[in-house]
Amino acid sequence: MITSFQDLIDARPPWSTILILYLRCIAIILIGGGVIYWARIIGIVEWRGHFFWDMPVALQGATVFFAVLDLVAATGLWLTVSWGTVMWIFRCICQIVMHTAFSDLYGRRPYEISFYLATIAVYVALAYLMHRENRAAPG
């Protein structure tokens, strides 16, 4: 029975389990994003008043790129394989570069960039805590 804050801390699952849950939550977000990108491509959803075939070529390329990359990265994150994490971080870096270095083409999105940096920081912190816990485990 949990009667104090220390009991709550002691009752938490291992950091590896928390990391897996975190990666699967990110995977769900990426699946949603991938579905939205595909909905734009096939003409169900507009983007800022334009359908896919009316978008500039740069936006069409980015839409197709992220439609594929989101679902591939989501699959890898859900399966908790190393390439999934690499694809997800690559995707985040691509979005950050798009909205900073090429903001004249893709627009500025400081909140989106902050979200990507925060999610990567949380991942790094959880991976560090998992690594530290695994090193401290007897055996």
C-alpha atoms as a PDB file:
ATOM      1  CA  MET A   1       0.000   0.000   0.000  1.00  0.00           C
ATOM      2  CA  ILE A   2       1.265   3.453  -0.891  1.00  0.00           C
ATOM      3  CA  THR A   3       1.248   5.690   2.186  1.00  0.00           C
ATOM      4  CA  SER A   4       4.004   8.198   1.418  1.00  0.00           C
ATOM      5  CA  PHE A   5       5.756   9.872  -1.485  1.00  0.00           C
ATOM      6  CA  GLN A   6       8.734   7.553  -1.033  1.00  0.00           C
ATOM      7  CA  ASP A   7       6.432   4.543  -1.380  1.00  0.00           C
ATOM      8  CA  LEU A   8       5.163   6.035  -4.630  1.00  0.00           C
ATOM      9  CA  ILE A   9       8.731   6.472  -5.897  1.00  0.00           C
ATOM     10  CA  ASP A  10       9.640   2.929  -4.871  1.00  0.00           C
ATOM     11  CA  ALA A  11       6.531   1.539  -6.588  1.00  0.00           C
ATOM     12  CA  ARG A  12       7.242   3.085  -9.990  1.00  0.00           C
ATOM     13  CA  PRO A  13       8.000   0.742 -12.880  1.00  0.00           C
ATOM     14  CA  PRO A  14      11.576   0.441 -14.159  1.00  0.00           C
ATOM     15  CA  TRP A  15      12.863   3.274 -16.323  1.00  0.00           C
ATOM     16  CA  SER A  16      13.016   0.918 -19.298  1.00  0.00           C
ATOM     17  CA  THR A  17       9.256   0.396 -19.070  1.00  0.00           C
ATOM     18  CA  ILE A  18       8.654   4.129 -18.801  1.00  0.00           C
ATOM     19  CA  LEU A  19      10.888   4.700 -21.846  1.00  0.00           C
ATOM     20  CA  ILE A  20       8.952   2.106 -23.860  1.00  0.00           C
ATOM     21  CA  LEU A  21       5.650   3.745 -22.927  1.00  0.00           C
ATOM     22  CA  TYR A  22       7.051   7.154 -23.891  1.00  0.00           C
ATOM     23  CA  LEU A  23       8.243   5.893 -27.278  1.00  0.00           C
ATOM     24  CA  ARG A  24       4.861   4.306 -27.943  1.00  0.00           C
ATOM     25  CA  CYS A  25       3.094   7.577 -27.097  1.00  0.00           C
ATOM     26  CA  ILE A  26       5.354   9.370 -29.595  1.00  0.00           C
ATOM     27  CA  ALA A  27       4.554   6.591 -32.106  1.00  0.00           C
ATOM     28  CA  ILE A  28       0.821   7.273 -31.710  1.00  0.00           C
ATOM     29  CA  ILE A  29       1.419  10.979 -32.352  1.00  0.00           C
ATOM     30  CA  LEU A  30       3.446  10.135 -35.462  1.00  0.00           C
ATOM     31  CA  ILE A  31       0.743   7.789 -36.756  1.00  0.00           C
ATOM     32  CA  GLY A  32      -1.754  10.622 -36.418  1.00  0.00           C
ATOM     33  CA  GLY A  33       0.585  12.996 -38.242  1.00  0.00           C
ATOM     34  CA  GLY A  34       1.227  10.464 -40.997  1.00  0.00           C
ATOM     35  CA  VAL A  35      -2.484   9.905 -41.514  1.00  0.00           C
ATOM     36  CA  ILE A  36      -3.038  13.664 -41.762  1.00  0.00           C
ATOM     37  CA  TYR A  37      -0.249  13.971 -44.354  1.00  0.00           C
ATOM     38  CA  TRP A  38      -1.778  11.138 -46.388  1.00  0.00           C
ATOM     39  CA  ALA A  39      -5.204  12.761 -46.105  1.00  0.00           C
ATOM     40  CA  ARG A  40      -3.667  15.908 -47.610  1.00  0.00           C
ATOM     41  CA  ILE A  41      -2.087  13.919 -50.435  1.00  0.00           C
ATOM     42  CA  ILE A  42      -5.290  12.159 -51.466  1.00  0.00           C
ATOM     43  CA  GLY A  43      -7.350  15.336 -51.186  1.00  0.00           C
ATOM     44  CA  ILE A  44      -9.440  14.805 -48.065  1.00  0.00           C
ATOM     45  CA  VAL A  45      -7.861  17.626 -46.041  1.00  0.00           C
ATOM     46  CA  GLU A  46      -6.777  21.077 -47.194  1.00  0.00           C
ATOM     47  CA  TRP A  47      -3.629  22.757 -45.938  1.00  0.00           C
ATOM     48  CA  ARG A  48      -4.061  26.489 -45.418  1.00  0.00           C
ATOM     49  CA  GLY A  49      -6.798  26.614 -48.032  1.00  0.00           C
ATOM     50  CA  HIS A  50      -4.886  24.633 -50.675  1.00  0.00           C
ATOM     51  CA  PHE A  51      -5.291  21.074 -51.788  1.00  0.00           C
ATOM     52  CA  PHE A  52      -2.180  19.002 -52.451  1.00  0.00           C
ATOM     53  CA  TRP A  53      -2.209  19.560 -56.214  1.00  0.00           C
ATOM     54  CA  ASP A  54      -2.393  23.347 -55.695  1.00  0.00           C
ATOM     55  CA  MET A  55       0.541  23.501 -53.263  1.00  0.00           C
ATOM     56  CA  PRO A  56       3.978  24.699 -54.347  1.00  0.00           C
ATOM     57  CA  VAL A  57       6.331  21.871 -55.302  1.00  0.00           C
ATOM     58  CA  ALA A  58       8.458  22.382 -52.177  1.00  0.00           C
ATOM     59  CA  LEU A  59       5.436  21.812 -49.945  1.00  0.00           C
ATOM     60  CA  GLN A  60       4.328  18.817 -51.995  1.00  0.00           C
ATOM     61  CA  GLY A  61       7.765  17.245 -51.585  1.00  0.00           C
ATOM     62  CA  ALA A  62       7.800  17.902 -47.852  1.00  0.00           C
ATOM     63  CA  THR A  63       4.291  16.486 -47.488  1.00  0.00           C
ATOM     64  CA  VAL A  64       5.182  13.247 -49.251  1.00  0.00           C
ATOM     65  CA  PHE A  65       8.494  13.004 -47.362  1.00  0.00           C
ATOM     66  CA  PHE A  66       6.839  13.321 -43.955  1.00  0.00           C
ATOM     67  CA  ALA A  67       3.847  11.157 -44.932  1.00  0.00           C
ATOM     68  CA  VAL A  68       6.231   8.251 -45.435  1.00  0.00           C
ATOM     69  CA  LEU A  69       8.751   9.115 -42.713  1.00  0.00           C
ATOM     70  CA  ASP A  70       6.128   9.569 -39.983  1.00  0.00           C
ATOM     71  CA  LEU A  71       4.659   6.112 -40.489  1.00  0.00           C
ATOM     72  CA  VAL A  72       8.060   4.417 -40.812  1.00  0.00           C
ATOM     73  CA  ALA A  73       9.346   6.126 -37.656  1.00  0.00           C
ATOM     74  CA  ALA A  74       6.099   5.314 -35.814  1.00  0.00           C
ATOM     75  CA  THR A  75       6.463   1.644 -36.712  1.00  0.00           C
ATOM     76  CA  GLY A  76      10.045   1.583 -35.447  1.00  0.00           C
ATOM     77  CA  LEU A  77       9.175   3.422 -32.237  1.00  0.00           C
ATOM     78  CA  TRP A  78       6.247   1.116 -31.523  1.00  0.00           C
ATOM     79  CA  LEU A  79       8.471  -1.927 -31.996  1.00  0.00           C
ATOM     80  CA  THR A  80      11.158  -0.196 -29.853  1.00  0.00           C
ATOM     81  CA  VAL A  81      13.912  -0.950 -32.345  1.00  0.00           C
ATOM     82  CA  SER A  82      16.938   1.314 -32.616  1.00  0.00           C
ATOM     83  CA  TRP A  83      16.234   2.420 -36.187  1.00  0.00           C
ATOM     84  CA  GLY A  84      12.843   3.721 -35.073  1.00  0.00           C
ATOM     85  CA  THR A  85      14.470   6.130 -32.667  1.00  0.00           C
ATOM     86  CA  VAL A  86      16.970   7.179 -35.335  1.00  0.00           C
ATOM     87  CA  MET A  87      14.178   7.809 -37.860  1.00  0.00           C
ATOM     88  CA  TRP A  88      12.185   9.798 -35.307  1.00  0.00           C
ATOM     89  CA  ILE A  89      15.154  12.002 -34.356  1.00  0.00           C
ATOM     90  CA  PHE A  90      15.992  12.427 -38.073  1.00  0.00           C
ATOM     91  CA  ARG A  91      12.396  13.508 -38.656  1.00  0.00           C
ATOM     92  CA  CYS A  92      12.564  16.020 -35.803  1.00  0.00           C
ATOM     93  CA  ILE A  93      15.820  17.465 -37.118  1.00  0.00           C
ATOM     94  CA  CYS A  94      14.351  17.750 -40.624  1.00  0.00           C
ATOM     95  CA  GLN A  95      11.352  19.660 -39.258  1.00  0.00           C
ATOM     96  CA  ILE A  96      13.612  21.936 -37.203  1.00  0.00           C
ATOM     97  CA  VAL A  97      15.791  22.704 -40.242  1.00  0.00           C
ATOM     98  CA  MET A  98      12.718  23.284 -42.413  1.00  0.00           C
ATOM     99  CA  HIS A  99      11.239  25.825 -40.040  1.00  0.00           C
ATOM    100  CA  THR A 100      14.498  27.633 -39.257  1.00  0.00           C
ATOM    101  CA  ALA A 101      16.883  27.543 -42.222  1.00  0.00           C
ATOM    102  CA  PHE A 102      14.125  27.375 -44.847  1.00  0.00           C
ATOM    103  CA  SER A 103      11.460  29.389 -43.044  1.00  0.00           C
ATOM    104  CA  ASP A 104      10.860  31.501 -46.157  1.00  0.00           C
ATOM    105  CA  LEU A 105       9.522  28.365 -47.906  1.00  0.00           C
ATOM    106  CA  TYR A 106       7.893  26.478 -45.015  1.00  0.00           C
ATOM    107  CA  GLY A 107       7.127  29.190 -42.480  1.00  0.00           C
ATOM    108  CA  ARG A 108       8.297  29.750 -38.927  1.00  0.00           C
ATOM    109  CA  ARG A 109       6.882  27.491 -36.231  1.00  0.00           C
ATOM    110  CA  PRO A 110       8.651  28.196 -32.940  1.00  0.00           C
ATOM    111  CA  TYR A 111       6.152  26.184 -30.869  1.00  0.00           C
ATOM    112  CA  GLU A 112       6.586  23.146 -33.072  1.00  0.00           C
ATOM    113  CA  ILE A 113      10.375  23.436 -32.863  1.00  0.00           C
ATOM    114  CA  SER A 114      10.131  23.736 -29.073  1.00  0.00           C
ATOM    115  CA  PHE A 115       7.961  20.612 -28.991  1.00  0.00           C
ATOM    116  CA  TYR A 116      10.515  18.614 -30.999  1.00  0.00           C
ATOM    117  CA  LEU A 117      13.405  19.755 -28.819  1.00  0.00           C
ATOM    118  CA  ALA A 118      11.445  18.992 -25.636  1.00  0.00           C
ATOM    119  CA  THR A 119      10.485  15.489 -26.802  1.00  0.00           C
ATOM    120  CA  ILE A 120      14.093  14.720 -27.693  1.00  0.00           C
ATOM    121  CA  ALA A 121      15.241  16.064 -24.308  1.00  0.00           C
ATOM    122  CA  VAL A 122      12.727  13.846 -22.493  1.00  0.00           C
ATOM    123  CA  TYR A 123      13.923  10.853 -24.518  1.00  0.00           C
ATOM    124  CA  VAL A 124      17.562  11.566 -23.654  1.00  0.00           C
ATOM    125  CA  ALA A 125      16.705  11.936 -19.957  1.00  0.00           C
ATOM    126  CA  LEU A 126      14.728   8.676 -19.889  1.00  0.00           C
ATOM    127  CA  ALA A 127      17.461   6.819 -21.784  1.00  0.00           C
ATOM    128  CA  TYR A 128      20.055   8.134 -19.308  1.00  0.00           C
ATOM    129  CA  LEU A 129      17.947   7.100 -16.304  1.00  0.00           C
ATOM    130  CA  MET A 130      17.388   3.652 -17.816  1.00  0.00           C
ATOM    131  CA  HIS A 131      21.116   3.254 -18.483  1.00  0.00           C
ATOM    132  CA  ARG A 132      21.984   4.359 -14.945  1.00  0.00           C
ATOM    133  CA  GLU A 133      19.408   1.989 -13.457  1.00  0.00           C
ATOM    134  CA  ASN A 134      20.703  -0.928 -15.545  1.00  0.00           C
ATOM    135  CA  ARG A 135      24.309  -0.270 -14.461  1.00  0.00           C
ATOM    136  CA  ALA A 136      23.269  -0.123 -10.807  1.00  0.00           C
ATOM    137  CA  ALA A 137      21.293  -3.352 -10.977  1.00  0.00           C
ATOM    138  CA  PRO A 138      23.042  -6.268  -9.295  1.00  0.00           C
ATOM    139  CA  GLY A 139      24.129  -9.126 -11.511  1.00  0.00           C
END
